[in-house]
Amino acid sequence: MSDISAVSKIPSIPDLESRTVPADHQDLRLWLRLLSCCNLVEGEIRGRLRAEFETTLPRFDLMAQLLRVPGGMKMSELSRHMMVTNGNITGITDQLEKEGMVERIKVATDRRSSLIRLTAKGKRTFKKMAKSHEQWIRALFGGLSENSRGALFEALGELKQLAQPKLSGRP
């Protein structure tokens, strides 16, 4: 496994935040910094999954959902949990099924529905990926002090609460 600390030695690539100027309001600058950080971390994880496991983040995410529900999940449940369309789930599931990572089990009470469940091979494969994923995340955030991580977690929790759709009917 390559060293994540090497990432910090790569020359800075312009990102969304680099488009701002000091005269832009702080909320815009904060939004673009947050988005840039998300894009950078996600890009690193996507690249590592591709390089080390020849897989994608959506496949990893689907397998993670299934590991949490050993009995399996319907496509509509997976779609809702992953916040993507049923079509996306179907394509990923088809690929994983061909590779022997998941299986479809017919629901006795509804002939049109199937439960998607990880196979033994899928569980073994996912656990290897998850172990590496955890190490990558720890390395990416490990440069922050414990206080900074705690403060960031709390601040993002506040933002998440403010950003949740309100009962007023706002989408």
C-alpha atoms as a PDB file:
ATOM      1  CA  MET A   1       0.000   0.000   0.000  1.00  0.00           C
ATOM      2  CA  SER A   2       1.347   3.421  -0.926  1.00  0.00           C
ATOM      3  CA  ASP A   3       1.834   6.128   1.652  1.00  0.00           C
ATOM      4  CA  ILE A   4      -0.985   8.662   1.846  1.00  0.00           C
ATOM      5  CA  SER A   5       1.416  11.250   3.243  1.00  0.00           C
ATOM      6  CA  ALA A   6       2.879  11.391  -0.258  1.00  0.00           C
ATOM      7  CA  VAL A   7      -0.359  13.080  -1.345  1.00  0.00           C
ATOM      8  CA  SER A   8       0.625  16.218   0.565  1.00  0.00           C
ATOM      9  CA  LYS A   9       3.807  16.478  -1.553  1.00  0.00           C
ATOM     10  CA  ILE A  10       1.845  16.698  -4.814  1.00  0.00           C
ATOM     11  CA  PRO A  11       1.673  20.276  -6.126  1.00  0.00           C
ATOM     12  CA  SER A  12      -1.628  21.950  -5.339  1.00  0.00           C
ATOM     13  CA  ILE A  13      -4.186  21.572  -8.114  1.00  0.00           C
ATOM     14  CA  PRO A  14      -6.715  24.375  -8.549  1.00  0.00           C
ATOM     15  CA  ASP A  15     -10.054  23.452  -7.023  1.00  0.00           C
ATOM     16  CA  LEU A  16     -13.428  25.115  -6.522  1.00  0.00           C
ATOM     17  CA  GLU A  17     -12.156  27.173  -3.614  1.00  0.00           C
ATOM     18  CA  SER A  18      -9.371  28.646  -5.746  1.00  0.00           C
ATOM     19  CA  ARG A  19     -12.043  30.485  -7.749  1.00  0.00           C
ATOM     20  CA  THR A  20     -12.870  32.727  -4.809  1.00  0.00           C
ATOM     21  CA  VAL A  21     -11.399  36.100  -4.059  1.00  0.00           C
ATOM     22  CA  PRO A  22     -11.090  37.772  -0.650  1.00  0.00           C
ATOM     23  CA  ALA A  23     -14.022  40.054  -1.539  1.00  0.00           C
ATOM     24  CA  ASP A  24     -16.398  37.051  -1.836  1.00  0.00           C
ATOM     25  CA  HIS A  25     -18.600  36.619   1.205  1.00  0.00           C
ATOM     26  CA  GLN A  26     -17.397  34.157   3.796  1.00  0.00           C
ATOM     27  CA  ASP A  27     -20.378  31.817   3.380  1.00  0.00           C
ATOM     28  CA  LEU A  28     -19.524  31.295  -0.298  1.00  0.00           C
ATOM     29  CA  ARG A  29     -15.864  30.757   0.525  1.00  0.00           C
ATOM     30  CA  LEU A  30     -16.814  28.302   3.284  1.00  0.00           C
ATOM     31  CA  TRP A  31     -19.161  26.388   0.954  1.00  0.00           C
ATOM     32  CA  LEU A  32     -16.482  26.086  -1.730  1.00  0.00           C
ATOM     33  CA  ARG A  33     -13.843  25.015   0.806  1.00  0.00           C
ATOM     34  CA  LEU A  34     -16.179  22.326   2.156  1.00  0.00           C
ATOM     35  CA  LEU A  35     -17.004  21.134  -1.363  1.00  0.00           C
ATOM     36  CA  SER A  36     -13.316  21.135  -2.332  1.00  0.00           C
ATOM     37  CA  CYS A  37     -12.419  19.051   0.723  1.00  0.00           C
ATOM     38  CA  CYS A  38     -15.213  16.569  -0.036  1.00  0.00           C
ATOM     39  CA  ASN A  39     -14.100  16.294  -3.656  1.00  0.00           C
ATOM     40  CA  LEU A  40     -10.445  15.798  -2.686  1.00  0.00           C
ATOM     41  CA  VAL A  41     -11.167  13.104  -0.088  1.00  0.00           C
ATOM     42  CA  GLU A  42     -13.683  11.344  -2.327  1.00  0.00           C
ATOM     43  CA  GLY A  43     -11.287  11.471  -5.276  1.00  0.00           C
ATOM     44  CA  GLU A  44      -8.530   9.918  -3.186  1.00  0.00           C
ATOM     45  CA  ILE A  45     -10.826   7.116  -1.984  1.00  0.00           C
ATOM     46  CA  ARG A  46     -12.158   6.482  -5.508  1.00  0.00           C
ATOM     47  CA  GLY A  47      -8.611   6.293  -6.865  1.00  0.00           C
ATOM     48  CA  ARG A  48      -7.438   3.915  -4.182  1.00  0.00           C
ATOM     49  CA  LEU A  49     -10.459   1.611  -4.604  1.00  0.00           C
ATOM     50  CA  ARG A  50      -9.808   1.527  -8.344  1.00  0.00           C
ATOM     51  CA  ALA A  51      -6.047   0.986  -8.008  1.00  0.00           C
ATOM     52  CA  GLU A  52      -6.004  -1.513  -5.149  1.00  0.00           C
ATOM     53  CA  PHE A  53      -9.266  -3.408  -5.654  1.00  0.00           C
ATOM     54  CA  GLU A  54     -10.323  -2.655  -9.240  1.00  0.00           C
ATOM     55  CA  THR A  55     -13.681  -1.456  -7.979  1.00  0.00           C
ATOM     56  CA  THR A  56     -15.703   1.733  -7.705  1.00  0.00           C
ATOM     57  CA  LEU A  57     -17.037   3.757  -4.810  1.00  0.00           C
ATOM     58  CA  PRO A  58     -20.695   2.974  -5.696  1.00  0.00           C
ATOM     59  CA  ARG A  59     -19.922  -0.763  -5.644  1.00  0.00           C
ATOM     60  CA  PHE A  60     -18.142  -0.349  -2.298  1.00  0.00           C
ATOM     61  CA  ASP A  61     -21.093   1.620  -0.916  1.00  0.00           C
ATOM     62  CA  LEU A  62     -23.638  -0.971  -2.070  1.00  0.00           C
ATOM     63  CA  MET A  63     -21.641  -3.784  -0.482  1.00  0.00           C
ATOM     64  CA  ALA A  64     -21.342  -1.753   2.741  1.00  0.00           C
ATOM     65  CA  GLN A  65     -25.127  -1.372   2.883  1.00  0.00           C
ATOM     66  CA  LEU A  66     -25.607  -5.106   2.366  1.00  0.00           C
ATOM     67  CA  LEU A  67     -23.066  -6.056   5.033  1.00  0.00           C
ATOM     68  CA  ARG A  68     -25.183  -4.162   7.591  1.00  0.00           C
ATOM     69  CA  VAL A  69     -28.294  -6.199   6.672  1.00  0.00           C
ATOM     70  CA  PRO A  70     -27.243  -9.858   6.455  1.00  0.00           C
ATOM     71  CA  GLY A  71     -30.734 -10.987   5.396  1.00  0.00           C
ATOM     72  CA  GLY A  72     -30.559  -8.769   2.330  1.00  0.00           C
ATOM     73  CA  MET A  73     -32.295  -5.661   1.045  1.00  0.00           C
ATOM     74  CA  LYS A  74     -34.724  -4.914  -1.761  1.00  0.00           C
ATOM     75  CA  MET A  75     -33.458  -2.746  -4.609  1.00  0.00           C
ATOM     76  CA  SER A  76     -35.788   0.067  -3.531  1.00  0.00           C
ATOM     77  CA  GLU A  77     -34.281   0.001  -0.025  1.00  0.00           C
ATOM     78  CA  LEU A  78     -30.754   0.103  -1.419  1.00  0.00           C
ATOM     79  CA  SER A  79     -31.751   2.959  -3.691  1.00  0.00           C
ATOM     80  CA  ARG A  80     -33.199   4.938  -0.785  1.00  0.00           C
ATOM     81  CA  HIS A  81     -30.217   4.298   1.516  1.00  0.00           C
ATOM     82  CA  MET A  82     -27.678   5.203  -1.169  1.00  0.00           C
ATOM     83  CA  MET A  83     -29.758   8.126  -2.498  1.00  0.00           C
ATOM     84  CA  VAL A  84     -29.536   6.977  -6.129  1.00  0.00           C
ATOM     85  CA  THR A  85     -32.038   5.677  -8.665  1.00  0.00           C
ATOM     86  CA  ASN A  86     -33.191   2.074  -8.887  1.00  0.00           C
ATOM     87  CA  GLY A  87     -31.527   1.954 -12.310  1.00  0.00           C
ATOM     88  CA  ASN A  88     -28.138   2.699 -10.754  1.00  0.00           C
ATOM     89  CA  ILE A  89     -28.652  -0.046  -8.179  1.00  0.00           C
ATOM     90  CA  THR A  90     -29.714  -2.534 -10.854  1.00  0.00           C
ATOM     91  CA  GLY A  91     -26.571  -1.952 -12.920  1.00  0.00           C
ATOM     92  CA  ILE A  92     -24.224  -2.293  -9.955  1.00  0.00           C
ATOM     93  CA  THR A  93     -26.091  -5.346  -8.662  1.00  0.00           C
ATOM     94  CA  ASP A  94     -25.939  -7.043 -12.068  1.00  0.00           C
ATOM     95  CA  GLN A  95     -22.150  -6.590 -12.177  1.00  0.00           C
ATOM     96  CA  LEU A  96     -21.642  -7.802  -8.613  1.00  0.00           C
ATOM     97  CA  GLU A  97     -23.887 -10.804  -9.224  1.00  0.00           C
ATOM     98  CA  LYS A  98     -21.854 -11.821 -12.306  1.00  0.00           C
ATOM     99  CA  GLU A  99     -18.720 -11.690 -10.131  1.00  0.00           C
ATOM    100  CA  GLY A 100     -20.323 -13.836  -7.421  1.00  0.00           C
ATOM    101  CA  MET A 101     -20.305 -11.022  -4.841  1.00  0.00           C
ATOM    102  CA  VAL A 102     -24.085 -10.788  -4.367  1.00  0.00           C
ATOM    103  CA  GLU A 103     -27.068 -13.010  -4.934  1.00  0.00           C
ATOM    104  CA  ARG A 104     -30.732 -12.345  -5.610  1.00  0.00           C
ATOM    105  CA  ILE A 105     -33.255 -14.182  -3.469  1.00  0.00           C
ATOM    106  CA  LYS A 106     -36.905 -14.156  -4.504  1.00  0.00           C
ATOM    107  CA  VAL A 107     -39.333 -12.820  -1.902  1.00  0.00           C
ATOM    108  CA  ALA A 108     -41.964 -15.502  -1.271  1.00  0.00           C
ATOM    109  CA  THR A 109     -44.738 -12.968  -0.642  1.00  0.00           C
ATOM    110  CA  ASP A 110     -43.958 -10.828  -3.710  1.00  0.00           C
ATOM    111  CA  ARG A 111     -42.869 -12.607  -6.893  1.00  0.00           C
ATOM    112  CA  ARG A 112     -41.742  -9.316  -8.442  1.00  0.00           C
ATOM    113  CA  SER A 113     -39.283  -8.526  -5.644  1.00  0.00           C
ATOM    114  CA  SER A 114     -35.901  -9.934  -4.775  1.00  0.00           C
ATOM    115  CA  LEU A 115     -33.632  -9.437  -1.833  1.00  0.00           C
ATOM    116  CA  ILE A 116     -30.020  -8.636  -2.659  1.00  0.00           C
ATOM    117  CA  ARG A 117     -27.552 -10.253  -0.286  1.00  0.00           C
ATOM    118  CA  LEU A 118     -23.776 -10.522  -0.092  1.00  0.00           C
ATOM    119  CA  THR A 119     -22.382 -13.970  -0.806  1.00  0.00           C
ATOM    120  CA  ALA A 120     -19.585 -15.440   1.313  1.00  0.00           C
ATOM    121  CA  LYS A 121     -17.149 -14.286  -1.397  1.00  0.00           C
ATOM    122  CA  GLY A 122     -18.715 -10.819  -1.315  1.00  0.00           C
ATOM    123  CA  LYS A 123     -18.351 -10.600   2.463  1.00  0.00           C
ATOM    124  CA  ARG A 124     -14.686 -11.638   2.350  1.00  0.00           C
ATOM    125  CA  THR A 125     -13.926  -9.210  -0.461  1.00  0.00           C
ATOM    126  CA  PHE A 126     -15.755  -6.328   1.177  1.00  0.00           C
ATOM    127  CA  LYS A 127     -14.073  -6.862   4.545  1.00  0.00           C
ATOM    128  CA  LYS A 128     -10.650  -6.568   2.876  1.00  0.00           C
ATOM    129  CA  MET A 129     -11.716  -3.364   1.142  1.00  0.00           C
ATOM    130  CA  ALA A 130     -13.272  -1.970   4.326  1.00  0.00           C
ATOM    131  CA  LYS A 131     -10.082  -2.569   6.303  1.00  0.00           C
ATOM    132  CA  SER A 132      -8.052  -0.636   3.729  1.00  0.00           C
ATOM    133  CA  HIS A 133     -10.740   2.056   3.494  1.00  0.00           C
ATOM    134  CA  GLU A 134     -10.551   2.601   7.247  1.00  0.00           C
ATOM    135  CA  GLN A 135      -6.762   2.966   7.071  1.00  0.00           C
ATOM    136  CA  TRP A 136      -7.042   5.467   4.220  1.00  0.00           C
ATOM    137  CA  ILE A 137      -9.597   7.572   6.114  1.00  0.00           C
ATOM    138  CA  ARG A 138      -7.489   7.511   9.273  1.00  0.00           C
ATOM    139  CA  ALA A 139      -4.428   8.587   7.290  1.00  0.00           C
ATOM    140  CA  LEU A 140      -6.306  11.359   5.475  1.00  0.00           C
ATOM    141  CA  PHE A 141      -7.702  12.841   8.681  1.00  0.00           C
ATOM    142  CA  GLY A 142      -4.800  11.842  10.923  1.00  0.00           C
ATOM    143  CA  GLY A 143      -2.934  15.075  10.267  1.00  0.00           C
ATOM    144  CA  LEU A 144      -5.620  17.014  12.106  1.00  0.00           C
ATOM    145  CA  SER A 145      -5.285  17.345  15.863  1.00  0.00           C
ATOM    146  CA  GLU A 146      -7.870  15.622  18.033  1.00  0.00           C
ATOM    147  CA  ASN A 147      -9.243  19.069  18.949  1.00  0.00           C
ATOM    148  CA  SER A 148      -9.543  20.098  15.299  1.00  0.00           C
ATOM    149  CA  ARG A 149     -11.310  16.857  14.381  1.00  0.00           C
ATOM    150  CA  GLY A 150     -13.735  17.295  17.273  1.00  0.00           C
ATOM    151  CA  ALA A 151     -14.438  20.928  16.434  1.00  0.00           C
ATOM    152  CA  LEU A 152     -14.922  20.123  12.753  1.00  0.00           C
ATOM    153  CA  PHE A 153     -17.264  17.242  13.600  1.00  0.00           C
ATOM    154  CA  GLU A 154     -19.343  19.490  15.866  1.00  0.00           C
ATOM    155  CA  ALA A 155     -19.460  22.361  13.361  1.00  0.00           C
ATOM    156  CA  LEU A 156     -20.493  20.049  10.535  1.00  0.00           C
ATOM    157  CA  GLY A 157     -23.172  18.575  12.811  1.00  0.00           C
ATOM    158  CA  GLU A 158     -24.609  22.063  13.302  1.00  0.00           C
ATOM    159  CA  LEU A 159     -24.517  22.697   9.559  1.00  0.00           C
ATOM    160  CA  LYS A 160     -26.206  19.354   8.884  1.00  0.00           C
ATOM    161  CA  GLN A 161     -29.044  20.263  11.257  1.00  0.00           C
ATOM    162  CA  LEU A 162     -29.498  23.653   9.607  1.00  0.00           C
ATOM    163  CA  ALA A 163     -29.438  22.141   6.122  1.00  0.00           C
ATOM    164  CA  GLN A 164     -32.053  19.435   6.850  1.00  0.00           C
ATOM    165  CA  PRO A 165     -35.343  20.041   5.034  1.00  0.00           C
ATOM    166  CA  LYS A 166     -37.769  21.711   7.387  1.00  0.00           C
ATOM    167  CA  LEU A 167     -41.317  20.553   8.082  1.00  0.00           C
ATOM    168  CA  SER A 168     -42.520  23.664   6.237  1.00  0.00           C
ATOM    169  CA  GLY A 169     -42.587  21.599   3.060  1.00  0.00           C
ATOM    170  CA  ARG A 170     -39.372  22.974   1.602  1.00  0.00           C
ATOM    171  CA  PRO A 171     -37.787  20.267  -0.601  1.00  0.00           C
END
